Amino acid sequence: SGTDGKESTGLGMWIVKSLVEDHKGKIWFDSSEGSGSTFYVEIPIEEKTLSNN
């Protein structure tokens, strides 16, 4: 169940994971019993160069 006590399907995390992986990123978490979990997302920034044409 979610933090509000309602049943959850886990679909939200699957969507986030798919989007992060599509952008060549990483997702991970830390979890502590009694304190919950913290999720981290890292997505690389692609630098683009401008040309004067």
PDB file of N, CA and C in Angstrom:
ATOM      1  N   SER A   1       0.836  -1.186   0.000  1.00  0.00           N
ATOM      2  CA  SER A   1       0.000   0.000   0.000  1.00  0.00           C
ATOM      3  C   SER A   1       0.877   1.245   0.000  1.00  0.00           C
ATOM      4  N   GLY A   2       0.314   2.347  -0.439  1.00  0.00           N
ATOM      5  CA  GLY A   2       1.047   3.606  -0.501  1.00  0.00           C
ATOM      6  C   GLY A   2       1.127   4.281   0.854  1.00  0.00           C
ATOM      7  N   THR A   3       1.714   5.472   0.876  1.00  0.00           N
ATOM      8  CA  THR A   3       1.887   6.189   2.139  1.00  0.00           C
ATOM      9  C   THR A   3       0.565   6.638   2.738  1.00  0.00           C
ATOM     10  N   ASP A   4      -0.471   6.748   1.904  1.00  0.00           N
ATOM     11  CA  ASP A   4      -1.779   7.165   2.416  1.00  0.00           C
ATOM     12  C   ASP A   4      -2.657   5.968   2.785  1.00  0.00           C
ATOM     13  N   GLY A   5      -2.086   4.755   2.742  1.00  0.00           N
ATOM     14  CA  GLY A   5      -2.815   3.560   3.118  1.00  0.00           C
ATOM     15  C   GLY A   5      -3.620   2.932   1.997  1.00  0.00           C
ATOM     16  N   LYS A   6      -3.662   3.564   0.826  1.00  0.00           N
ATOM     17  CA  LYS A   6      -4.402   3.017  -0.307  1.00  0.00           C
ATOM     18  C   LYS A   6      -3.549   1.974  -1.024  1.00  0.00           C
ATOM     19  N   GLU A   7      -4.223   1.023  -1.663  1.00  0.00           N
ATOM     20  CA  GLU A   7      -3.518   0.007  -2.433  1.00  0.00           C
ATOM     21  C   GLU A   7      -2.797   0.655  -3.612  1.00  0.00           C
ATOM     22  N   SER A   8      -1.645   0.101  -3.958  1.00  0.00           N
ATOM     23  CA  SER A   8      -0.819   0.643  -5.029  1.00  0.00           C
ATOM     24  C   SER A   8      -0.467  -0.468  -6.006  1.00  0.00           C
ATOM     25  N   THR A   9      -0.341  -0.131  -7.293  1.00  0.00           N
ATOM     26  CA  THR A   9       0.028  -1.123  -8.300  1.00  0.00           C
ATOM     27  C   THR A   9       1.515  -1.108  -8.603  1.00  0.00           C
ATOM     28  N   GLY A  10       2.229  -0.060  -8.190  1.00  0.00           N
ATOM     29  CA  GLY A  10       3.646   0.048  -8.507  1.00  0.00           C
ATOM     30  C   GLY A  10       3.896   0.587  -9.899  1.00  0.00           C
ATOM     31  N   LEU A  11       2.858   0.959 -10.598  1.00  0.00           N
ATOM     32  CA  LEU A  11       2.983   1.446 -11.967  1.00  0.00           C
ATOM     33  C   LEU A  11       3.767   2.749 -12.044  1.00  0.00           C
ATOM     34  N   GLY A  12       3.619   3.618 -11.065  1.00  0.00           N
ATOM     35  CA  GLY A  12       4.321   4.900 -11.068  1.00  0.00           C
ATOM     36  C   GLY A  12       5.828   4.730 -11.103  1.00  0.00           C
ATOM     37  N   MET A  13       6.359   3.826 -10.290  1.00  0.00           N
ATOM     38  CA  MET A  13       7.802   3.598 -10.268  1.00  0.00           C
ATOM     39  C   MET A  13       8.269   2.978 -11.580  1.00  0.00           C
ATOM     40  N   TRP A  14       7.467   2.119 -12.172  1.00  0.00           N
ATOM     41  CA  TRP A  14       7.813   1.524 -13.468  1.00  0.00           C
ATOM     42  C   TRP A  14       7.919   2.615 -14.533  1.00  0.00           C
ATOM     43  N   ILE A  15       6.998   3.570 -14.527  1.00  0.00           N
ATOM     44  CA  ILE A  15       7.022   4.676 -15.492  1.00  0.00           C
ATOM     45  C   ILE A  15       8.267   5.530 -15.281  1.00  0.00           C
ATOM     46  N   VAL A  16       8.562   5.874 -14.036  1.00  0.00           N
ATOM     47  CA  VAL A  16       9.754   6.677 -13.734  1.00  0.00           C
ATOM     48  C   VAL A  16      11.008   5.945 -14.200  1.00  0.00           C
ATOM     49  N   LYS A  17      11.126   4.669 -13.878  1.00  0.00           N
ATOM     50  CA  LYS A  17      12.297   3.877 -14.269  1.00  0.00           C
ATOM     51  C   LYS A  17      12.450   3.853 -15.786  1.00  0.00           C
ATOM     52  N   SER A  18      11.359   3.666 -16.507  1.00  0.00           N
ATOM     53  CA  SER A  18      11.409   3.636 -17.969  1.00  0.00           C
ATOM     54  C   SER A  18      11.874   4.969 -18.538  1.00  0.00           C
ATOM     55  N   LEU A  19      11.350   6.067 -18.022  1.00  0.00           N
ATOM     56  CA  LEU A  19      11.750   7.393 -18.502  1.00  0.00           C
ATOM     57  C   LEU A  19      13.218   7.682 -18.212  1.00  0.00           C
ATOM     58  N   VAL A  20      13.662   7.333 -17.010  1.00  0.00           N
ATOM     59  CA  VAL A  20      15.060   7.564 -16.634  1.00  0.00           C
ATOM     60  C   VAL A  20      15.986   6.751 -17.542  1.00  0.00           C
ATOM     61  N   GLU A  21      15.673   5.482 -17.759  1.00  0.00           N
ATOM     62  CA  GLU A  21      16.508   4.642 -18.614  1.00  0.00           C
ATOM     63  C   GLU A  21      16.490   5.121 -20.062  1.00  0.00           C
ATOM     64  N   ASP A  22      15.356   5.606 -20.544  1.00  0.00           N
ATOM     65  CA  ASP A  22      15.268   6.142 -21.913  1.00  0.00           C
ATOM     66  C   ASP A  22      16.197   7.331 -22.109  1.00  0.00           C
ATOM     67  N   HIS A  23      16.497   8.050 -21.033  1.00  0.00           N
ATOM     68  CA  HIS A  23      17.377   9.223 -21.096  1.00  0.00           C
ATOM     69  C   HIS A  23      18.788   8.902 -20.604  1.00  0.00           C
ATOM     70  N   LYS A  24      19.120   7.606 -20.584  1.00  0.00           N
ATOM     71  CA  LYS A  24      20.464   7.140 -20.189  1.00  0.00           C
ATOM     72  C   LYS A  24      20.819   7.533 -18.757  1.00  0.00           C
ATOM     73  N   GLY A  25      19.819   7.572 -17.895  1.00  0.00           N
ATOM     74  CA  GLY A  25      20.036   7.965 -16.510  1.00  0.00           C
ATOM     75  C   GLY A  25      20.078   6.776 -15.570  1.00  0.00           C
ATOM     76  N   LYS A  26      20.106   7.083 -14.287  1.00  0.00           N
ATOM     77  CA  LYS A  26      20.141   6.062 -13.243  1.00  0.00           C
ATOM     78  C   LYS A  26      19.081   6.382 -12.198  1.00  0.00           C
ATOM     79  N   ILE A  27      18.557   5.345 -11.579  1.00  0.00           N
ATOM     80  CA  ILE A  27      17.630   5.499 -10.461  1.00  0.00           C
ATOM     81  C   ILE A  27      18.038   4.493  -9.390  1.00  0.00           C
ATOM     82  N   TRP A  28      18.061   4.942  -8.134  1.00  0.00           N
ATOM     83  CA  TRP A  28      18.407   4.065  -7.026  1.00  0.00           C
ATOM     84  C   TRP A  28      17.727   4.574  -5.768  1.00  0.00           C
ATOM     85  N   PHE A  29      17.828   3.796  -4.700  1.00  0.00           N
ATOM     86  CA  PHE A  29      17.161   4.201  -3.469  1.00  0.00           C
ATOM     87  C   PHE A  29      17.941   3.745  -2.247  1.00  0.00           C
ATOM     88  N   ASP A  30      17.687   4.415  -1.146  1.00  0.00           N
ATOM     89  CA  ASP A  30      18.142   4.021   0.186  1.00  0.00           C
ATOM     90  C   ASP A  30      16.887   3.773   1.003  1.00  0.00           C
ATOM     91  N   SER A  31      16.920   2.743   1.816  1.00  0.00           N
ATOM     92  CA  SER A  31      15.750   2.409   2.617  1.00  0.00           C
ATOM     93  C   SER A  31      16.171   2.108   4.050  1.00  0.00           C
ATOM     94  N   SER A  32      15.423   2.652   4.994  1.00  0.00           N
ATOM     95  CA  SER A  32      15.671   2.400   6.412  1.00  0.00           C
ATOM     96  C   SER A  32      14.368   1.956   7.061  1.00  0.00           C
ATOM     97  N   GLU A  33      14.430   0.843   7.762  1.00  0.00           N
ATOM     98  CA  GLU A  33      13.237   0.335   8.427  1.00  0.00           C
ATOM     99  C   GLU A  33      12.714   1.364   9.417  1.00  0.00           C
ATOM    100  N   GLY A  34      11.443   1.659   9.320  1.00  0.00           N
ATOM    101  CA  GLY A  34      10.814   2.627  10.205  1.00  0.00           C
ATOM    102  C   GLY A  34      10.925   4.065   9.738  1.00  0.00           C
ATOM    103  N   SER A  35      11.819   4.322   8.771  1.00  0.00           N
ATOM    104  CA  SER A  35      12.002   5.690   8.265  1.00  0.00           C
ATOM    105  C   SER A  35      11.525   5.860   6.834  1.00  0.00           C
ATOM    106  N   GLY A  36      11.333   4.759   6.121  1.00  0.00           N
ATOM    107  CA  GLY A  36      10.891   4.840   4.737  1.00  0.00           C
ATOM    108  C   GLY A  36      12.045   4.771   3.760  1.00  0.00           C
ATOM    109  N   SER A  37      11.781   5.159   2.537  1.00  0.00           N
ATOM    110  CA  SER A  37      12.762   5.077   1.457  1.00  0.00           C
ATOM    111  C   SER A  37      12.953   6.431   0.807  1.00  0.00           C
ATOM    112  N   THR A  38      14.163   6.668   0.331  1.00  0.00           N
ATOM    113  CA  THR A  38      14.480   7.864  -0.437  1.00  0.00           C
ATOM    114  C   THR A  38      14.935   7.403  -1.811  1.00  0.00           C
ATOM    115  N   PHE A  39      14.296   7.929  -2.850  1.00  0.00           N
ATOM    116  CA  PHE A  39      14.640   7.559  -4.220  1.00  0.00           C
ATOM    117  C   PHE A  39      15.437   8.683  -4.862  1.00  0.00           C
ATOM    118  N   TYR A  40      16.425   8.298  -5.655  1.00  0.00           N
ATOM    119  CA  TYR A  40      17.292   9.249  -6.342  1.00  0.00           C
ATOM    120  C   TYR A  40      17.208   9.008  -7.840  1.00  0.00           C
ATOM    121  N   VAL A  41      17.231  10.095  -8.601  1.00  0.00           N
ATOM    122  CA  VAL A  41      17.215  10.024 -10.062  1.00  0.00           C
ATOM    123  C   VAL A  41      18.338  10.901 -10.579  1.00  0.00           C
ATOM    124  N   GLU A  42      19.108  10.359 -11.506  1.00  0.00           N
ATOM    125  CA  GLU A  42      20.193  11.112 -12.135  1.00  0.00           C
ATOM    126  C   GLU A  42      20.044  10.977 -13.645  1.00  0.00           C
ATOM    127  N   ILE A  43      19.930  12.114 -14.319  1.00  0.00           N
ATOM    128  CA  ILE A  43      19.818  12.133 -15.781  1.00  0.00           C
ATOM    129  C   ILE A  43      20.930  13.022 -16.312  1.00  0.00           C
ATOM    130  N   PRO A  44      21.779  12.483 -17.203  1.00  0.00           N
ATOM    131  CA  PRO A  44      22.891  13.284 -17.717  1.00  0.00           C
ATOM    132  C   PRO A  44      22.389  14.426 -18.602  1.00  0.00           C
ATOM    133  N   ILE A  45      23.143  15.513 -18.573  1.00  0.00           N
ATOM    134  CA  ILE A  45      22.834  16.667 -19.419  1.00  0.00           C
ATOM    135  C   ILE A  45      23.740  16.605 -20.636  1.00  0.00           C
ATOM    136  N   GLU A  46      23.138  16.661 -21.796  1.00  0.00           N
ATOM    137  CA  GLU A  46      23.909  16.637 -23.036  1.00  0.00           C
ATOM    138  C   GLU A  46      24.225  18.070 -23.434  1.00  0.00           C
ATOM    139  N   GLU A  47      25.519  18.369 -23.541  1.00  0.00           N
ATOM    140  CA  GLU A  47      25.915  19.708 -23.963  1.00  0.00           C
ATOM    141  C   GLU A  47      25.895  19.769 -25.481  1.00  0.00           C
ATOM    142  N   LYS A  48      25.304  20.810 -26.003  1.00  0.00           N
ATOM    143  CA  LYS A  48      25.241  20.999 -27.451  1.00  0.00           C
ATOM    144  C   LYS A  48      26.060  22.223 -27.815  1.00  0.00           C
ATOM    145  N   THR A  49      26.758  22.123 -28.906  1.00  0.00           N
ATOM    146  CA  THR A  49      27.531  23.270 -29.372  1.00  0.00           C
ATOM    147  C   THR A  49      26.733  24.002 -30.436  1.00  0.00           C
ATOM    148  N   LEU A  50      26.853  25.302 -30.428  1.00  0.00           N
ATOM    149  CA  LEU A  50      26.156  26.126 -31.406  1.00  0.00           C
ATOM    150  C   LEU A  50      27.109  26.456 -32.544  1.00  0.00           C
ATOM    151  N   SER A  51      26.599  26.441 -33.742  1.00  0.00           N
ATOM    152  CA  SER A  51      27.435  26.819 -34.881  1.00  0.00           C
ATOM    153  C   SER A  51      26.922  28.129 -35.456  1.00  0.00           C
ATOM    154  N   ASN A  52      27.821  28.911 -36.002  1.00  0.00           N
ATOM    155  CA  ASN A  52      27.467  30.192 -36.619  1.00  0.00           C
ATOM    156  C   ASN A  52      27.380  30.004 -38.127  1.00  0.00           C
ATOM    157  N   ASN A  53      26.265  29.516 -38.590  1.00  0.00           N
ATOM    158  CA  ASN A  53      26.068  29.307 -40.036  1.00  0.00           C
ATOM    159  C   ASN A  53      25.211  30.388 -40.607  1.00  0.00           C
TER     160      ASN A  53
END
